[in-house]
């Protein structure tokens, strides 16, 4: 017969596992409240440090940051601010922000680092004007001051989506350079159009003349060819009324 083990009269009765878990949770909550109430001032947010802005002003970024922090429960505290939510808000609120990174700099500072897109050109299709970055990627519908950037109209009216590329990078750089260089020829741009392929762009001048360019070549080189044609036409006393075609290197056709 096995005798039962004698009880240790000094052994403390163990708490049920569930009660222990609740006790730990209660201690964590109390500790968090102590941090919030007692230590909140030690890490309260007093300063924003903005880095990486070029086109954007720091005032604009500060405005967006403050707008998001006001929506957060603990947006006034450097330790407790939701940095992921803040970064997402910045990226979604301004088309020119490609990426935002938020870092805490204790005790009182948030460091906001901005990686900007490079808005370069407007792309019009299906009656809507979209903003393109320097890689010809659609940033979104054009708003505000970006409407003043050069606009190219897609004559095919193909639909686009935000994040899609509508042309090679060379196309954007060509159009931007062309807009800067063409005034030296005396022509003013009324409209820029892609006929079928982005390897070409047609410029309708304010005089009604159409200039046809090859976007795979150098804009500077084609503008030089245009000036040479202008000199020849002037010497011959001729004035084209319909178009000047500069798509073939070192040659030009006109009518």
C-alpha atoms as a PDB file:
ATOM      1  CA  UNK A   1       0.000   0.000   0.000  1.00  0.00           C
ATOM      2  CA  UNK A   2       1.406   3.418  -1.063  1.00  0.00           C
ATOM      3  CA  UNK A   3       1.100   6.093   1.499  1.00  0.00           C
ATOM      4  CA  UNK A   4       0.026   9.543   0.308  1.00  0.00           C
ATOM      5  CA  UNK A   5       2.774  12.157   0.275  1.00  0.00           C
ATOM      6  CA  UNK A   6       2.451  14.415   3.300  1.00  0.00           C
ATOM      7  CA  UNK A   7       1.540  17.993   2.514  1.00  0.00           C
ATOM      8  CA  UNK A   8       4.142  20.654   3.084  1.00  0.00           C
ATOM      9  CA  UNK A   9       2.478  22.983   5.510  1.00  0.00           C
ATOM     10  CA  UNK A  10       4.735  25.801   4.303  1.00  0.00           C
ATOM     11  CA  UNK A  11       3.810  25.357   0.596  1.00  0.00           C
ATOM     12  CA  UNK A  12       1.710  28.270  -0.764  1.00  0.00           C
ATOM     13  CA  UNK A  13      -1.328  27.339  -2.823  1.00  0.00           C
ATOM     14  CA  UNK A  14      -0.771  28.122  -6.530  1.00  0.00           C
ATOM     15  CA  UNK A  15      -3.068  30.525  -8.375  1.00  0.00           C
ATOM     16  CA  UNK A  16      -4.971  29.230 -11.387  1.00  0.00           C
ATOM     17  CA  UNK A  17      -3.182  29.933 -14.696  1.00  0.00           C
ATOM     18  CA  UNK A  18      -6.001  32.214 -15.892  1.00  0.00           C
ATOM     19  CA  UNK A  19      -5.775  34.383 -12.794  1.00  0.00           C
ATOM     20  CA  UNK A  20      -2.013  34.729 -13.259  1.00  0.00           C
ATOM     21  CA  UNK A  21      -2.482  35.853 -16.875  1.00  0.00           C
ATOM     22  CA  UNK A  22      -5.047  38.458 -15.857  1.00  0.00           C
ATOM     23  CA  UNK A  23      -2.768  39.677 -13.100  1.00  0.00           C
ATOM     24  CA  UNK A  24       0.087  40.175 -15.563  1.00  0.00           C
ATOM     25  CA  UNK A  25      -2.193  42.009 -17.965  1.00  0.00           C
ATOM     26  CA  UNK A  26      -3.387  44.291 -15.184  1.00  0.00           C
ATOM     27  CA  UNK A  27       0.205  45.082 -14.243  1.00  0.00           C
ATOM     28  CA  UNK A  28       1.014  45.944 -17.864  1.00  0.00           C
ATOM     29  CA  UNK A  29      -1.978  48.254 -18.095  1.00  0.00           C
ATOM     30  CA  UNK A  30      -0.998  49.968 -14.862  1.00  0.00           C
ATOM     31  CA  UNK A  31       2.561  50.384 -16.127  1.00  0.00           C
ATOM     32  CA  UNK A  32       1.296  51.889 -19.384  1.00  0.00           C
ATOM     33  CA  UNK A  33      -0.907  54.338 -17.502  1.00  0.00           C
ATOM     34  CA  UNK A  34       2.040  55.340 -15.362  1.00  0.00           C
ATOM     35  CA  UNK A  35       4.065  56.058 -18.504  1.00  0.00           C
ATOM     36  CA  UNK A  36       1.229  58.028 -20.082  1.00  0.00           C
ATOM     37  CA  UNK A  37       0.337  60.074 -17.041  1.00  0.00           C
ATOM     38  CA  UNK A  38       3.646  60.409 -15.276  1.00  0.00           C
ATOM     39  CA  UNK A  39       6.109  60.295 -18.139  1.00  0.00           C
ATOM     40  CA  UNK A  40       4.111  61.821 -20.985  1.00  0.00           C
ATOM     41  CA  UNK A  41       5.733  65.211 -20.582  1.00  0.00           C
ATOM     42  CA  UNK A  42       9.176  63.675 -20.781  1.00  0.00           C
ATOM     43  CA  UNK A  43       8.545  62.553 -24.377  1.00  0.00           C
ATOM     44  CA  UNK A  44       5.985  65.100 -25.545  1.00  0.00           C
ATOM     45  CA  UNK A  45       6.368  66.237 -29.146  1.00  0.00           C
ATOM     46  CA  UNK A  46       7.850  69.715 -29.472  1.00  0.00           C
ATOM     47  CA  UNK A  47       9.828  69.671 -32.723  1.00  0.00           C
ATOM     48  CA  UNK A  48       9.539  68.397 -36.307  1.00  0.00           C
ATOM     49  CA  UNK A  49      12.685  67.954 -38.361  1.00  0.00           C
ATOM     50  CA  UNK A  50      11.930  67.814 -42.111  1.00  0.00           C
ATOM     51  CA  UNK A  51      14.518  66.364 -44.489  1.00  0.00           C
ATOM     52  CA  UNK A  52      14.720  65.663 -48.226  1.00  0.00           C
ATOM     53  CA  UNK A  53      12.378  68.348 -49.561  1.00  0.00           C
ATOM     54  CA  UNK A  54      13.190  70.086 -52.830  1.00  0.00           C
ATOM     55  CA  UNK A  55       9.996  71.035 -54.649  1.00  0.00           C
ATOM     56  CA  UNK A  56       7.850  70.723 -51.534  1.00  0.00           C
ATOM     57  CA  UNK A  57       8.125  73.404 -48.871  1.00  0.00           C
ATOM     58  CA  UNK A  58       8.756  72.429 -45.272  1.00  0.00           C
ATOM     59  CA  UNK A  59       5.642  74.384 -44.348  1.00  0.00           C
ATOM     60  CA  UNK A  60       3.553  72.082 -46.565  1.00  0.00           C
ATOM     61  CA  UNK A  61       5.011  68.926 -44.995  1.00  0.00           C
ATOM     62  CA  UNK A  62       4.543  70.344 -41.490  1.00  0.00           C
ATOM     63  CA  UNK A  63       0.913  71.114 -42.292  1.00  0.00           C
ATOM     64  CA  UNK A  64       0.283  67.528 -43.419  1.00  0.00           C
ATOM     65  CA  UNK A  65       2.093  66.048 -40.410  1.00  0.00           C
ATOM     66  CA  UNK A  66       0.094  68.134 -37.946  1.00  0.00           C
ATOM     67  CA  UNK A  67      -3.164  67.245 -39.690  1.00  0.00           C
ATOM     68  CA  UNK A  68      -2.472  63.535 -39.186  1.00  0.00           C
ATOM     69  CA  UNK A  69      -1.172  63.851 -35.626  1.00  0.00           C
ATOM     70  CA  UNK A  70      -4.375  65.620 -34.591  1.00  0.00           C
ATOM     71  CA  UNK A  71      -6.284  62.508 -35.650  1.00  0.00           C
ATOM     72  CA  UNK A  72      -4.116  60.181 -33.568  1.00  0.00           C
ATOM     73  CA  UNK A  73      -4.922  59.446 -29.926  1.00  0.00           C
ATOM     74  CA  UNK A  74      -1.302  59.871 -28.877  1.00  0.00           C
ATOM     75  CA  UNK A  75      -0.043  62.122 -31.655  1.00  0.00           C
ATOM     76  CA  UNK A  76       1.402  64.517 -29.072  1.00  0.00           C
ATOM     77  CA  UNK A  77       3.843  61.920 -27.735  1.00  0.00           C
ATOM     78  CA  UNK A  78       7.044  60.978 -29.571  1.00  0.00           C
ATOM     79  CA  UNK A  79       7.074  57.451 -28.141  1.00  0.00           C
ATOM     80  CA  UNK A  80       3.437  56.651 -28.878  1.00  0.00           C
ATOM     81  CA  UNK A  81       2.800  58.344 -32.215  1.00  0.00           C
ATOM     82  CA  UNK A  82       1.852  55.874 -34.959  1.00  0.00           C
ATOM     83  CA  UNK A  83       4.713  56.446 -37.378  1.00  0.00           C
ATOM     84  CA  UNK A  84       3.409  53.985 -39.966  1.00  0.00           C
ATOM     85  CA  UNK A  85       0.050  55.736 -40.134  1.00  0.00           C
ATOM     86  CA  UNK A  86       1.755  59.109 -40.445  1.00  0.00           C
ATOM     87  CA  UNK A  87       4.015  57.940 -43.290  1.00  0.00           C
ATOM     88  CA  UNK A  88       1.072  56.472 -45.219  1.00  0.00           C
ATOM     89  CA  UNK A  89      -0.937  59.658 -44.756  1.00  0.00           C
ATOM     90  CA  UNK A  90       1.866  61.802 -46.182  1.00  0.00           C
ATOM     91  CA  UNK A  91       2.307  59.558 -49.220  1.00  0.00           C
ATOM     92  CA  UNK A  92      -1.426  59.598 -49.970  1.00  0.00           C
ATOM     93  CA  UNK A  93      -2.002  63.300 -49.321  1.00  0.00           C
ATOM     94  CA  UNK A  94       0.469  64.849 -51.771  1.00  0.00           C
ATOM     95  CA  UNK A  95       1.197  63.524 -55.255  1.00  0.00           C
ATOM     96  CA  UNK A  96       4.808  64.664 -55.140  1.00  0.00           C
ATOM     97  CA  UNK A  97       5.686  62.516 -52.087  1.00  0.00           C
ATOM     98  CA  UNK A  98       7.005  59.165 -53.289  1.00  0.00           C
ATOM     99  CA  UNK A  99       8.002  57.866 -49.861  1.00  0.00           C
ATOM    100  CA  UNK A 100       7.987  59.188 -46.301  1.00  0.00           C
ATOM    101  CA  UNK A 101      10.050  57.806 -43.424  1.00  0.00           C
ATOM    102  CA  UNK A 102       9.399  58.744 -39.798  1.00  0.00           C
ATOM    103  CA  UNK A 103      11.983  58.363 -37.035  1.00  0.00           C
ATOM    104  CA  UNK A 104      11.815  59.206 -33.350  1.00  0.00           C
ATOM    105  CA  UNK A 105      14.534  61.407 -31.937  1.00  0.00           C
ATOM    106  CA  UNK A 106      14.077  61.382 -28.188  1.00  0.00           C
ATOM    107  CA  UNK A 107      13.042  63.116 -26.162  1.00  0.00           C
ATOM    108  CA  UNK A 108      10.935  65.625 -28.122  1.00  0.00           C
ATOM    109  CA  UNK A 109      11.529  65.357 -31.904  1.00  0.00           C
ATOM    110  CA  UNK A 110      10.117  63.514 -34.907  1.00  0.00           C
ATOM    111  CA  UNK A 111      12.359  63.327 -37.977  1.00  0.00           C
ATOM    112  CA  UNK A 112      10.362  63.234 -41.236  1.00  0.00           C
ATOM    113  CA  UNK A 113      12.404  62.273 -44.310  1.00  0.00           C
ATOM    114  CA  UNK A 114      10.724  62.849 -47.666  1.00  0.00           C
ATOM    115  CA  UNK A 115      11.637  61.231 -50.969  1.00  0.00           C
ATOM    116  CA  UNK A 116       9.992  63.354 -53.633  1.00  0.00           C
ATOM    117  CA  UNK A 117       8.736  62.323 -56.990  1.00  0.00           C
ATOM    118  CA  UNK A 118       9.825  64.566 -59.834  1.00  0.00           C
ATOM    119  CA  UNK A 119       6.653  65.878 -61.517  1.00  0.00           C
ATOM    120  CA  UNK A 120       7.715  66.682 -65.050  1.00  0.00           C
ATOM    121  CA  UNK A 121       4.878  66.521 -67.545  1.00  0.00           C
ATOM    122  CA  UNK A 122       1.110  66.355 -67.915  1.00  0.00           C
ATOM    123  CA  UNK A 123      -0.528  63.601 -69.948  1.00  0.00           C
ATOM    124  CA  UNK A 124      -4.042  64.162 -71.296  1.00  0.00           C
ATOM    125  CA  UNK A 125      -6.189  61.199 -72.286  1.00  0.00           C
ATOM    126  CA  UNK A 126      -9.930  60.551 -72.277  1.00  0.00           C
ATOM    127  CA  UNK A 127     -10.447  64.179 -71.308  1.00  0.00           C
ATOM    128  CA  UNK A 128      -8.479  63.795 -68.044  1.00  0.00           C
ATOM    129  CA  UNK A 129      -5.075  65.347 -67.359  1.00  0.00           C
ATOM    130  CA  UNK A 130      -2.653  63.176 -65.373  1.00  0.00           C
ATOM    131  CA  UNK A 131       0.674  64.102 -63.805  1.00  0.00           C
ATOM    132  CA  UNK A 132       3.756  62.149 -64.885  1.00  0.00           C
ATOM    133  CA  UNK A 133       7.055  61.927 -63.069  1.00  0.00           C
ATOM    134  CA  UNK A 134      10.427  61.955 -64.802  1.00  0.00           C
ATOM    135  CA  UNK A 135      10.100  58.222 -65.549  1.00  0.00           C
ATOM    136  CA  UNK A 136       6.727  58.728 -67.307  1.00  0.00           C
ATOM    137  CA  UNK A 137       4.918  57.052 -64.415  1.00  0.00           C
ATOM    138  CA  UNK A 138       1.398  58.290 -63.686  1.00  0.00           C
ATOM    139  CA  UNK A 139       1.369  59.978 -60.269  1.00  0.00           C
ATOM    140  CA  UNK A 140      -2.326  60.846 -60.320  1.00  0.00           C
ATOM    141  CA  UNK A 141      -4.752  63.441 -61.702  1.00  0.00           C
ATOM    142  CA  UNK A 142      -3.084  66.829 -62.065  1.00  0.00           C
ATOM    143  CA  UNK A 143      -3.978  69.362 -59.385  1.00  0.00           C
ATOM    144  CA  UNK A 144      -2.890  72.811 -58.266  1.00  0.00           C
ATOM    145  CA  UNK A 145       0.275  74.364 -59.632  1.00  0.00           C
ATOM    146  CA  UNK A 146       1.214  71.205 -61.560  1.00  0.00           C
ATOM    147  CA  UNK A 147      -1.379  72.153 -64.176  1.00  0.00           C
ATOM    148  CA  UNK A 148       1.180  74.700 -65.433  1.00  0.00           C
ATOM    149  CA  UNK A 149       3.587  71.971 -66.522  1.00  0.00           C
ATOM    150  CA  UNK A 150       3.717  71.134 -70.268  1.00  0.00           C
ATOM    151  CA  UNK A 151       0.844  68.925 -71.416  1.00  0.00           C
ATOM    152  CA  UNK A 152       0.999  66.173 -74.045  1.00  0.00           C
ATOM    153  CA  UNK A 153      -2.282  64.853 -75.453  1.00  0.00           C
ATOM    154  CA  UNK A 154      -2.622  61.179 -76.380  1.00  0.00           C
ATOM    155  CA  UNK A 155      -4.567  61.207 -79.650  1.00  0.00           C
ATOM    156  CA  UNK A 156      -5.402  57.517 -79.126  1.00  0.00           C
ATOM    157  CA  UNK A 157      -7.136  58.293 -75.798  1.00  0.00           C
ATOM    158  CA  UNK A 158      -5.818  55.110 -74.185  1.00  0.00           C
ATOM    159  CA  UNK A 159      -6.874  54.663 -70.531  1.00  0.00           C
ATOM    160  CA  UNK A 160      -4.194  54.893 -67.849  1.00  0.00           C
ATOM    161  CA  UNK A 161      -3.919  53.959 -64.183  1.00  0.00           C
ATOM    162  CA  UNK A 162      -1.968  55.536 -61.347  1.00  0.00           C
ATOM    163  CA  UNK A 163       1.408  53.821 -61.112  1.00  0.00           C
ATOM    164  CA  UNK A 164       1.510  52.831 -64.789  1.00  0.00           C
ATOM    165  CA  UNK A 165       4.207  54.031 -67.182  1.00  0.00           C
ATOM    166  CA  UNK A 166       2.799  55.575 -70.345  1.00  0.00           C
ATOM    167  CA  UNK A 167       6.058  56.177 -72.222  1.00  0.00           C
ATOM    168  CA  UNK A 168       9.836  55.657 -72.064  1.00  0.00           C
ATOM    169  CA  UNK A 169      11.852  57.953 -69.812  1.00  0.00           C
ATOM    170  CA  UNK A 170      13.448  59.467 -72.934  1.00  0.00           C
ATOM    171  CA  UNK A 171      10.029  60.714 -74.051  1.00  0.00           C
ATOM    172  CA  UNK A 172       9.581  62.848 -70.942  1.00  0.00           C
ATOM    173  CA  UNK A 173      13.083  64.301 -71.052  1.00  0.00           C
ATOM    174  CA  UNK A 174      12.668  65.066 -74.777  1.00  0.00           C
ATOM    175  CA  UNK A 175       9.381  66.930 -74.285  1.00  0.00           C
ATOM    176  CA  UNK A 176      10.696  68.895 -71.316  1.00  0.00           C
ATOM    177  CA  UNK A 177      13.816  69.904 -73.251  1.00  0.00           C
ATOM    178  CA  UNK A 178      11.775  70.767 -76.339  1.00  0.00           C
ATOM    179  CA  UNK A 179       9.528  73.106 -74.350  1.00  0.00           C
ATOM    180  CA  UNK A 180      12.605  74.889 -73.014  1.00  0.00           C
ATOM    181  CA  UNK A 181      14.422  75.126 -76.374  1.00  0.00           C
ATOM    182  CA  UNK A 182      11.658  75.839 -78.887  1.00  0.00           C
ATOM    183  CA  UNK A 183      11.106  79.522 -77.967  1.00  0.00           C
ATOM    184  CA  UNK A 184      14.590  80.241 -79.345  1.00  0.00           C
ATOM    185  CA  UNK A 185      13.197  79.445 -82.809  1.00  0.00           C
ATOM    186  CA  UNK A 186      10.419  81.993 -82.515  1.00  0.00           C
ATOM    187  CA  UNK A 187       7.672  79.369 -82.374  1.00  0.00           C
ATOM    188  CA  UNK A 188       5.249  79.220 -79.440  1.00  0.00           C
ATOM    189  CA  UNK A 189       3.578  75.952 -78.472  1.00  0.00           C
ATOM    190  CA  UNK A 190      -0.174  75.737 -78.572  1.00  0.00           C
ATOM    191  CA  UNK A 191      -0.473  71.956 -78.222  1.00  0.00           C
ATOM    192  CA  UNK A 192       1.708  68.831 -78.039  1.00  0.00           C
ATOM    193  CA  UNK A 193       0.249  65.561 -79.332  1.00  0.00           C
ATOM    194  CA  UNK A 194       1.321  61.930 -79.579  1.00  0.00           C
ATOM    195  CA  UNK A 195      -0.010  60.711 -82.954  1.00  0.00           C
ATOM    196  CA  UNK A 196       0.286  56.913 -82.590  1.00  0.00           C
ATOM    197  CA  UNK A 197       3.547  56.056 -80.847  1.00  0.00           C
ATOM    198  CA  UNK A 198       5.482  57.910 -78.159  1.00  0.00           C
ATOM    199  CA  UNK A 199       8.518  57.743 -80.453  1.00  0.00           C
ATOM    200  CA  UNK A 200       6.985  60.826 -82.068  1.00  0.00           C
ATOM    201  CA  UNK A 201       5.435  64.051 -80.883  1.00  0.00           C
ATOM    202  CA  UNK A 202       3.686  66.708 -82.940  1.00  0.00           C
ATOM    203  CA  UNK A 203       3.776  70.327 -81.842  1.00  0.00           C
ATOM    204  CA  UNK A 204       1.045  72.669 -83.052  1.00  0.00           C
ATOM    205  CA  UNK A 205       2.324  76.243 -82.899  1.00  0.00           C
ATOM    206  CA  UNK A 206       0.226  79.319 -82.224  1.00  0.00           C
ATOM    207  CA  UNK A 207       0.559  80.188 -85.913  1.00  0.00           C
ATOM    208  CA  UNK A 208      -1.103  76.900 -86.867  1.00  0.00           C
ATOM    209  CA  UNK A 209       2.066  75.234 -88.169  1.00  0.00           C
ATOM    210  CA  UNK A 210       2.762  71.631 -87.106  1.00  0.00           C
ATOM    211  CA  UNK A 211       6.297  70.598 -86.154  1.00  0.00           C
ATOM    212  CA  UNK A 212       6.981  66.849 -86.220  1.00  0.00           C
ATOM    213  CA  UNK A 213       9.714  65.477 -83.934  1.00  0.00           C
ATOM    214  CA  UNK A 214      11.352  62.118 -83.250  1.00  0.00           C
ATOM    215  CA  UNK A 215      11.483  61.690 -79.452  1.00  0.00           C
ATOM    216  CA  UNK A 216      14.187  58.996 -79.615  1.00  0.00           C
ATOM    217  CA  UNK A 217      16.721  61.593 -80.721  1.00  0.00           C
ATOM    218  CA  UNK A 218      18.136  64.663 -79.027  1.00  0.00           C
ATOM    219  CA  UNK A 219      15.735  67.573 -78.691  1.00  0.00           C
ATOM    220  CA  UNK A 220      18.657  69.985 -78.956  1.00  0.00           C
ATOM    221  CA  UNK A 221      19.776  68.385 -82.223  1.00  0.00           C
ATOM    222  CA  UNK A 222      16.314  68.601 -83.782  1.00  0.00           C
ATOM    223  CA  UNK A 223      15.892  72.213 -82.701  1.00  0.00           C
ATOM    224  CA  UNK A 224      19.252  72.952 -84.361  1.00  0.00           C
ATOM    225  CA  UNK A 225      17.964  71.289 -87.539  1.00  0.00           C
ATOM    226  CA  UNK A 226      14.811  73.420 -87.303  1.00  0.00           C
ATOM    227  CA  UNK A 227      16.863  76.605 -87.115  1.00  0.00           C
ATOM    228  CA  UNK A 228      18.834  75.528 -90.178  1.00  0.00           C
ATOM    229  CA  UNK A 229      15.583  74.941 -92.077  1.00  0.00           C
ATOM    230  CA  UNK A 230      14.286  78.339 -91.011  1.00  0.00           C
ATOM    231  CA  UNK A 231      17.423  79.995 -92.369  1.00  0.00           C
ATOM    232  CA  UNK A 232      17.089  78.182 -95.706  1.00  0.00           C
ATOM    233  CA  UNK A 233      13.407  79.041 -95.999  1.00  0.00           C
ATOM    234  CA  UNK A 234      14.070  82.678 -95.223  1.00  0.00           C
ATOM    235  CA  UNK A 235      16.851  82.824 -97.802  1.00  0.00           C
ATOM    236  CA  UNK A 236      14.524  81.286-100.386  1.00  0.00           C
ATOM    237  CA  UNK A 237      11.647  83.534 -99.429  1.00  0.00           C
ATOM    238  CA  UNK A 238       9.416  80.591 -98.572  1.00  0.00           C
ATOM    239  CA  UNK A 239       7.021  80.145 -95.678  1.00  0.00           C
ATOM    240  CA  UNK A 240       5.591  76.709 -94.835  1.00  0.00           C
ATOM    241  CA  UNK A 241       1.908  76.800 -93.928  1.00  0.00           C
ATOM    242  CA  UNK A 242       1.173  73.225 -92.890  1.00  0.00           C
ATOM    243  CA  UNK A 243       4.133  71.420 -91.337  1.00  0.00           C
ATOM    244  CA  UNK A 244       7.890  70.992 -90.930  1.00  0.00           C
ATOM    245  CA  UNK A 245       8.961  67.374 -90.475  1.00  0.00           C
ATOM    246  CA  UNK A 246      12.221  66.945 -88.528  1.00  0.00           C
ATOM    247  CA  UNK A 247      12.017  63.202 -87.837  1.00  0.00           C
ATOM    248  CA  UNK A 248      14.844  62.215 -90.209  1.00  0.00           C
ATOM    249  CA  UNK A 249      18.372  63.139 -89.015  1.00  0.00           C
ATOM    250  CA  UNK A 250      19.961  66.055 -90.906  1.00  0.00           C
ATOM    251  CA  UNK A 251      16.952  66.367 -93.182  1.00  0.00           C
ATOM    252  CA  UNK A 252      13.672  68.236 -93.054  1.00  0.00           C
ATOM    253  CA  UNK A 253      10.524  68.243 -95.109  1.00  0.00           C
ATOM    254  CA  UNK A 254       7.993  71.034 -95.178  1.00  0.00           C
ATOM    255  CA  UNK A 255       4.817  72.074 -96.841  1.00  0.00           C
END
